[in-house]
N, C-alpha and C. Protein backbone atom coordinates (compact mmCIF):
# COMPACT_ATOMS: atom_id res chain seq x y z
N MET A 1 0.76 -1.21 0.12
CA MET A 1 0.07 -0.15 0.07
C MET A 1 0.79 1.11 0.00
N LYS A 2 0.53 1.84 -0.86
CA LYS A 2 0.97 3.34 -0.80
C LYS A 2 1.28 4.38 0.41
N GLU A 3 2.25 4.91 0.69
CA GLU A 3 2.20 5.41 1.84
C GLU A 3 1.26 6.89 1.42
N GLN A 4 0.53 7.61 0.38
CA GLN A 4 -0.38 8.56 0.43
C GLN A 4 -1.68 7.72 0.99
N GLU A 5 -1.65 6.15 0.76
CA GLU A 5 -3.23 5.34 0.80
C GLU A 5 -3.08 5.27 2.40
N LEU A 6 -2.15 5.14 3.26
CA LEU A 6 -2.18 4.81 4.28
C LEU A 6 -2.53 6.02 4.95
N LYS A 7 -2.31 7.35 4.62
CA LYS A 7 -1.95 8.59 5.62
C LYS A 7 -3.63 8.68 5.19
N ALA A 8 -4.51 8.34 3.98
CA ALA A 8 -5.48 8.86 3.95
C ALA A 8 -6.39 7.67 4.66
N ILE A 9 -6.11 6.53 4.83
CA ILE A 9 -6.87 5.64 5.83
C ILE A 9 -6.92 5.95 7.15
N THR A 10 -5.87 6.57 7.37
CA THR A 10 -5.48 6.96 9.25
C THR A 10 -6.84 7.91 9.11
N ILE A 11 -6.32 8.94 8.35
CA ILE A 11 -7.54 10.30 8.65
C ILE A 11 -8.79 9.51 8.37
N LEU A 12 -9.50 9.26 7.48
CA LEU A 12 -10.80 8.41 7.46
C LEU A 12 -10.73 7.79 8.63
N GLU A 13 -9.79 7.00 9.63
CA GLU A 13 -10.16 6.42 10.51
C GLU A 13 -10.18 7.36 11.69
N THR A 14 -9.19 8.41 11.51
CA THR A 14 -9.88 9.19 12.75
C THR A 14 -11.02 10.22 12.50
N TYR A 15 -11.50 10.23 11.32
CA TYR A 15 -13.02 11.12 10.98
C TYR A 15 -13.76 10.42 11.44
N ALA A 16 -14.08 8.87 11.34
CA ALA A 16 -15.04 7.74 11.87
C ALA A 16 -15.12 8.08 13.36
N LYS A 17 -14.25 7.95 13.77
CA LYS A 17 -14.01 8.13 15.29
C LYS A 17 -14.91 9.44 15.99
N VAL A 18 -14.63 10.25 15.36
CA VAL A 18 -15.45 11.90 15.59
C VAL A 18 -16.94 11.42 15.69
N LEU A 19 -17.19 10.75 14.20
CA LEU A 19 -18.58 10.98 13.89
C LEU A 19 -19.20 9.79 14.55
N TYR A 20 -18.58 8.79 14.54
CA TYR A 20 -19.37 7.48 14.92
C TYR A 20 -19.23 6.90 16.29
N GLU A 21 -17.96 7.61 17.15
CA GLU A 21 -17.91 7.19 18.63
C GLU A 21 -17.92 8.34 19.67
N ASN A 22 -18.30 9.19 19.43
CA ASN A 22 -18.47 10.54 20.32
C ASN A 22 -17.20 10.85 20.93
N THR A 23 -15.63 10.63 20.59
CA THR A 23 -14.18 11.07 21.00
C THR A 23 -14.47 12.60 21.37
N ASP A 24 -13.63 13.13 22.09
CA ASP A 24 -13.38 14.03 22.55
C ASP A 24 -12.65 14.92 21.14
N LEU A 25 -12.45 14.46 19.80
CA LEU A 25 -11.81 15.12 19.26
C LEU A 25 -12.55 16.44 18.65
N GLU A 26 -12.01 17.87 18.61
CA GLU A 26 -12.49 18.80 18.19
C GLU A 26 -12.99 18.92 17.01
N TYR A 27 -13.60 19.77 16.63
CA TYR A 27 -14.95 20.01 15.46
C TYR A 27 -13.22 20.44 14.54
N GLU A 28 -12.51 21.31 14.58
CA GLU A 28 -11.54 21.08 13.94
C GLU A 28 -10.69 20.44 13.63
N ASP A 29 -10.33 19.36 14.17
CA ASP A 29 -9.66 18.19 13.64
C ASP A 29 -10.48 17.54 12.72
N VAL A 30 -11.67 17.65 12.94
CA VAL A 30 -12.43 17.01 11.63
C VAL A 30 -12.47 17.80 10.74
N GLN A 31 -12.50 18.80 10.20
CA GLN A 31 -12.41 20.34 9.33
C GLN A 31 -10.97 19.88 8.67
N GLU A 32 -9.73 19.59 9.67
CA GLU A 32 -8.74 19.53 9.47
C GLU A 32 -8.09 18.09 8.71
N ALA A 33 -9.04 16.79 8.74
CA ALA A 33 -8.74 15.73 8.49
C ALA A 33 -9.63 15.74 7.17
N ILE A 34 -10.56 16.14 6.67
CA ILE A 34 -11.49 16.58 5.36
C ILE A 34 -10.67 17.03 4.65
N LYS A 35 -9.93 18.64 5.24
CA LYS A 35 -9.09 19.00 4.22
C LYS A 35 -8.23 18.59 3.80
N GLN A 36 -7.34 17.73 4.55
CA GLN A 36 -6.60 16.60 4.14
C GLN A 36 -6.86 15.62 2.78
N LEU A 37 -7.60 15.13 3.25
CA LEU A 37 -8.53 14.20 2.15
C LEU A 37 -8.51 14.42 1.05
N LYS A 38 -9.03 15.99 1.08
CA LYS A 38 -9.61 16.57 -0.18
C LYS A 38 -8.17 17.14 -0.92
N ASP A 39 -7.04 17.09 -0.45
CA ASP A 39 -6.03 17.50 -0.74
C ASP A 39 -5.09 16.41 -1.30
N LEU A 40 -5.64 15.03 -0.57
CA LEU A 40 -4.97 14.12 -1.16
C LEU A 40 -6.02 13.40 -2.42
N GLY A 41 -6.86 14.20 -2.48
CA GLY A 41 -8.03 13.71 -3.59
C GLY A 41 -8.67 12.44 -3.16
N HIS A 42 -8.89 12.27 -1.99
CA HIS A 42 -9.60 10.72 -1.68
C HIS A 42 -11.01 11.63 -0.93
N LEU A 43 -11.24 12.86 -1.30
CA LEU A 43 -12.49 13.22 -0.78
C LEU A 43 -13.10 14.46 -1.84
N LYS A 44 -13.77 13.61 -2.70
CA LYS A 44 -13.92 14.22 -3.98
C LYS A 44 -15.01 14.93 -3.92
N ASN A 45 -15.93 13.88 -3.22
CA ASN A 45 -17.85 14.49 -3.23
C ASN A 45 -17.79 14.74 -2.12
N THR A 46 -18.63 16.21 -2.57
CA THR A 46 -19.37 16.61 -1.01
C THR A 46 -20.76 17.26 -1.75
N ILE A 47 -21.38 17.48 -1.18
CA ILE A 47 -22.64 18.06 -1.33
C ILE A 47 -22.96 19.39 -0.81
N GLU A 48 -23.60 20.60 -1.16
CA GLU A 48 -23.70 21.52 -0.16
C GLU A 48 -25.62 21.57 0.05
N ILE A 49 -25.54 21.48 1.43
CA ILE A 49 -27.00 21.57 1.80
C ILE A 49 -27.53 23.07 2.37
N ASN A 50 -28.26 23.59 1.77
CA ASN A 50 -28.39 24.70 1.99
C ASN A 50 -29.72 24.51 3.54
N VAL A 51 -28.81 25.45 4.63
CA VAL A 51 -29.53 25.59 5.34
C VAL A 51 -30.23 26.59 6.23
N THR A 52 -31.47 26.95 6.11
CA THR A 52 -32.48 28.02 6.60
C THR A 52 -33.25 27.76 7.87
N ASP A 53 -33.31 28.90 8.28
CA ASP A 53 -34.47 28.93 9.43
C ASP A 53 -33.90 28.61 10.30
N ILE A 54 -32.42 28.67 10.71
CA ILE A 54 -31.66 28.11 12.30
C ILE A 54 -32.86 29.04 13.48
N THR A 55 -32.87 28.43 14.32
CA THR A 55 -33.07 28.85 15.34
C THR A 55 -32.34 28.89 16.29
N TRP A 56 -31.56 29.64 17.08
CA TRP A 56 -30.55 29.80 18.25
C TRP A 56 -31.14 29.95 19.37
N ASP A 57 -30.52 29.18 20.48
CA ASP A 57 -30.87 29.12 21.33
C ASP A 57 -31.04 30.23 22.17
N GLU A 58 -32.16 30.55 22.99
CA GLU A 58 -32.79 31.99 23.62
C GLU A 58 -32.37 32.39 24.35
N SER A 59 -31.30 31.57 25.34
CA SER A 59 -30.10 31.74 26.63
C SER A 59 -29.20 32.63 26.07
N GLU A 60 -29.15 32.45 25.03
CA GLU A 60 -27.66 33.52 24.48
C GLU A 60 -28.17 34.60 23.68
N VAL A 61 -27.75 36.16 24.30
CA VAL A 61 -27.86 37.04 23.43
C VAL A 61 -27.17 37.44 22.51
N ILE A 62 -27.91 36.88 20.78
CA ILE A 62 -26.90 36.83 19.81
C ILE A 62 -27.67 37.40 18.75
N ASP A 63 -27.21 37.82 17.80
CA ASP A 63 -27.66 38.48 16.64
C ASP A 63 -26.93 37.69 15.38
N LEU A 64 -27.48 36.17 14.83
CA LEU A 64 -26.90 35.63 13.54
C LEU A 64 -27.49 35.54 12.82
N ASN A 65 -27.01 35.29 11.56
CA ASN A 65 -27.60 34.86 10.26
C ASN A 65 -28.26 33.48 10.85
N THR A 66 -29.47 33.21 10.20
CA THR A 66 -30.75 32.42 10.28
C THR A 66 -30.10 31.29 8.94
N ASN A 67 -28.98 31.46 8.23
CA ASN A 67 -29.20 30.97 6.83
C ASN A 67 -27.56 30.66 6.85
N MET A 68 -27.26 29.14 6.23
CA MET A 68 -25.79 29.08 6.19
C MET A 68 -25.61 28.11 5.03
N VAL A 69 -24.65 27.53 4.22
CA VAL A 69 -24.60 26.39 3.53
C VAL A 69 -23.26 25.69 4.17
N ILE A 70 -23.69 23.99 4.49
CA ILE A 70 -23.10 23.42 4.87
C ILE A 70 -22.36 22.43 3.97
N ASP A 71 -21.26 21.91 4.13
CA ASP A 71 -20.56 20.94 2.54
C ASP A 71 -20.46 19.83 3.52
N PHE A 72 -21.16 18.77 2.73
CA PHE A 72 -21.75 17.82 3.33
C PHE A 72 -20.53 16.66 3.02
N PRO A 73 -19.85 15.81 3.38
CA PRO A 73 -19.01 14.76 2.46
C PRO A 73 -19.95 13.43 2.26
N THR A 74 -20.31 13.09 1.44
CA THR A 74 -20.82 12.00 0.79
C THR A 74 -20.33 10.94 1.13
N GLU A 75 -19.31 10.84 1.51
CA GLU A 75 -18.25 9.45 1.35
C GLU A 75 -19.20 9.08 2.68
N LEU A 76 -19.68 9.72 3.83
CA LEU A 76 -20.52 9.62 5.21
C LEU A 76 -21.80 8.48 4.89
N LEU A 77 -22.15 8.24 3.48
CA LEU A 77 -23.25 7.60 3.14
C LEU A 77 -23.06 5.99 2.91
N ASN A 78 -22.12 6.32 2.31
CA ASN A 78 -20.95 5.15 1.84
C ASN A 78 -21.38 3.44 3.27
N GLU A 79 -21.96 2.56 2.49
CA GLU A 79 -22.49 1.64 3.34
C GLU A 79 -23.78 1.79 3.96
N GLU A 80 -24.21 2.91 4.13
CA GLU A 80 -25.08 2.91 4.81
C GLU A 80 -26.92 2.94 4.07
N LYS A 81 -27.89 2.78 4.87
CA LYS A 81 -29.24 2.44 4.07
C LYS A 81 -29.40 3.42 3.79
N GLU A 82 -30.30 3.77 2.87
CA GLU A 82 -30.94 4.99 2.04
C GLU A 82 -31.87 5.98 3.09
N GLU A 83 -32.26 4.55 3.85
CA GLU A 83 -33.73 5.49 4.77
C GLU A 83 -33.06 5.78 5.89
N ASP A 84 -31.68 5.56 5.98
CA ASP A 84 -30.67 6.29 7.05
C ASP A 84 -30.30 8.05 6.69
N TYR A 85 -29.93 8.32 5.32
CA TYR A 85 -29.63 9.14 5.20
C TYR A 85 -29.81 10.71 5.77
N GLU A 86 -30.91 10.89 5.88
CA GLU A 86 -31.72 11.75 6.40
C GLU A 86 -31.30 11.97 7.42
N GLN A 87 -31.31 11.18 8.33
CA GLN A 87 -30.75 11.63 9.78
C GLN A 87 -29.28 11.34 10.25
N ILE A 88 -28.29 10.66 9.21
CA ILE A 88 -26.97 11.06 9.03
C ILE A 88 -26.67 12.45 8.46
N ILE A 89 -27.21 13.20 7.38
CA ILE A 89 -27.27 14.48 7.34
C ILE A 89 -27.32 15.56 8.13
N SER A 90 -28.75 15.22 8.51
CA SER A 90 -29.33 16.07 9.78
C SER A 90 -28.23 16.68 10.68
N ASP A 91 -27.60 15.10 11.49
CA ASP A 91 -26.85 15.20 12.68
C ASP A 91 -25.75 15.83 12.35
N TYR A 92 -25.10 15.58 11.38
CA TYR A 92 -23.91 16.04 10.45
C TYR A 92 -24.18 17.65 10.57
N VAL A 93 -24.82 18.40 10.16
CA VAL A 93 -25.36 19.45 9.43
C VAL A 93 -25.53 19.93 11.00
N SER A 94 -26.62 19.71 12.13
CA SER A 94 -26.91 19.86 13.40
C SER A 94 -25.37 20.22 14.33
N GLU A 95 -24.58 19.64 13.73
CA GLU A 95 -23.18 19.45 14.79
C GLU A 95 -22.61 20.48 13.88
N ALA A 96 -22.59 20.88 12.51
CA ALA A 96 -21.60 21.69 11.99
C ALA A 96 -22.07 23.59 12.35
N ILE A 97 -23.48 23.33 12.51
CA ILE A 97 -23.68 24.69 12.80
C ILE A 97 -23.54 25.51 13.75
N SER A 98 -23.34 24.41 15.08
CA SER A 98 -22.73 24.89 16.28
C SER A 98 -21.06 25.01 16.50
N ASN A 99 -20.55 24.02 15.68
CA ASN A 99 -19.30 24.10 15.67
C ASN A 99 -18.83 25.22 14.65
N GLU A 100 -19.27 25.60 13.49
CA GLU A 100 -18.99 27.05 12.65
C GLU A 100 -19.41 28.39 13.55
N THR A 101 -20.79 28.36 14.13
CA THR A 101 -20.68 29.43 14.75
C THR A 101 -20.31 29.53 16.48
N GLY A 102 -20.21 28.83 17.00
CA GLY A 102 -19.83 28.75 18.24
C GLY A 102 -21.13 28.74 19.21
N PHE A 103 -21.69 28.73 18.20
CA PHE A 103 -23.34 28.78 18.96
C PHE A 103 -24.29 27.74 19.06
N CYS A 104 -25.08 27.61 20.13
CA CYS A 104 -26.00 26.64 20.14
C CYS A 104 -27.20 26.63 19.60
N HIS A 105 -27.99 26.08 19.02
CA HIS A 105 -29.58 26.12 17.96
C HIS A 105 -30.26 24.75 18.78
N THR A 106 -31.58 25.23 18.24
CA THR A 106 -32.39 24.52 18.70
C THR A 106 -33.39 23.85 17.72
N GLY A 107 -33.15 24.28 16.36
CA GLY A 107 -33.40 23.30 15.01
C GLY A 107 -33.25 24.64 13.95
N PHE A 108 -33.45 23.71 12.77
CA PHE A 108 -33.42 24.53 11.43
C PHE A 108 -34.05 23.45 10.37
N THR A 109 -34.08 23.99 9.37
CA THR A 109 -34.58 23.20 8.10
C THR A 109 -33.54 23.36 6.91
N THR A 110 -33.43 22.10 6.14
CA THR A 110 -32.81 22.39 4.79
C THR A 110 -33.57 22.03 3.86
N ASP A 111 -32.65 22.03 2.69
CA ASP A 111 -33.51 22.06 0.80
C ASP A 111 -33.53 20.68 0.79
N ILE A 112 -33.15 19.71 1.75
CA ILE A 112 -33.76 18.34 1.45
C ILE A 112 -34.23 17.57 2.83
N ASP A 113 -35.02 18.40 2.99
CA ASP A 113 -35.82 17.81 4.66
C ASP A 113 -36.60 16.91 4.17
N GLY A 114 -36.42 15.47 4.81
CA GLY A 114 -37.56 14.52 4.45
C GLY A 114 -37.99 14.03 2.83
N ASP A 115 -37.33 14.60 2.06
CA ASP A 115 -37.18 14.03 0.41
C ASP A 115 -35.72 13.32 -0.07
N ILE A 116 -36.03 12.17 -0.10
CA ILE A 116 -34.89 11.14 -0.39
C ILE A 116 -34.71 11.23 -1.58
N ASN A 117 -35.91 11.84 -2.64
CA ASN A 117 -35.66 12.37 -3.93
C ASN A 117 -34.66 13.15 -4.14
N LYS A 118 -34.34 14.08 -3.51
CA LYS A 118 -33.87 15.59 -3.34
C LYS A 118 -32.50 15.27 -2.89
N ILE A 119 -32.42 14.26 -1.76
CA ILE A 119 -31.14 13.61 -1.03
C ILE A 119 -30.19 12.90 -2.31
N ASN A 120 -30.43 12.41 -3.48
CA ASN A 120 -30.31 11.17 -4.56
C ASN A 120 -30.01 12.06 -5.21
N SER A 121 -30.93 13.17 -5.79
CA SER A 121 -30.67 13.98 -6.62
C SER A 121 -29.25 14.92 -6.39
N LYS A 122 -28.92 15.19 -5.22
CA LYS A 122 -27.68 15.88 -4.91
C LYS A 122 -26.64 14.60 -4.89
N LEU A 123 -26.67 13.92 -5.03
CA LEU A 123 -25.73 12.71 -4.95
C LEU A 123 -24.99 12.20 -6.05
N SER A 124 -26.40 12.61 -7.35
CA SER A 124 -25.94 11.78 -8.58
C SER A 124 -25.26 13.05 -9.34
């Protein structure tokens, strides 16, 4: 196995731990892993998820935009059942909103909410 492939596997393993095992790695570590994968040419496929109607936690006094775009790495859906796609995407987006802004939220809407056809359309 090439050194570059081994490095990509290590990065993927780290990424998987963060997403699926709730380790204490920081979001910035995940973002760095994504960047490294992209740089190595191993993470080519992302889809833009348009997020609207973000409801910010009212316990914090903030004036933040209620819309944003999140890049979702489609590799997270590999080996997953189609009926789980929406939940996987929603969990990722929820975490990304808080991590990118530094603030908690209580909800949001996306351009693919509840529509597997829209998800599959973005994936193709």
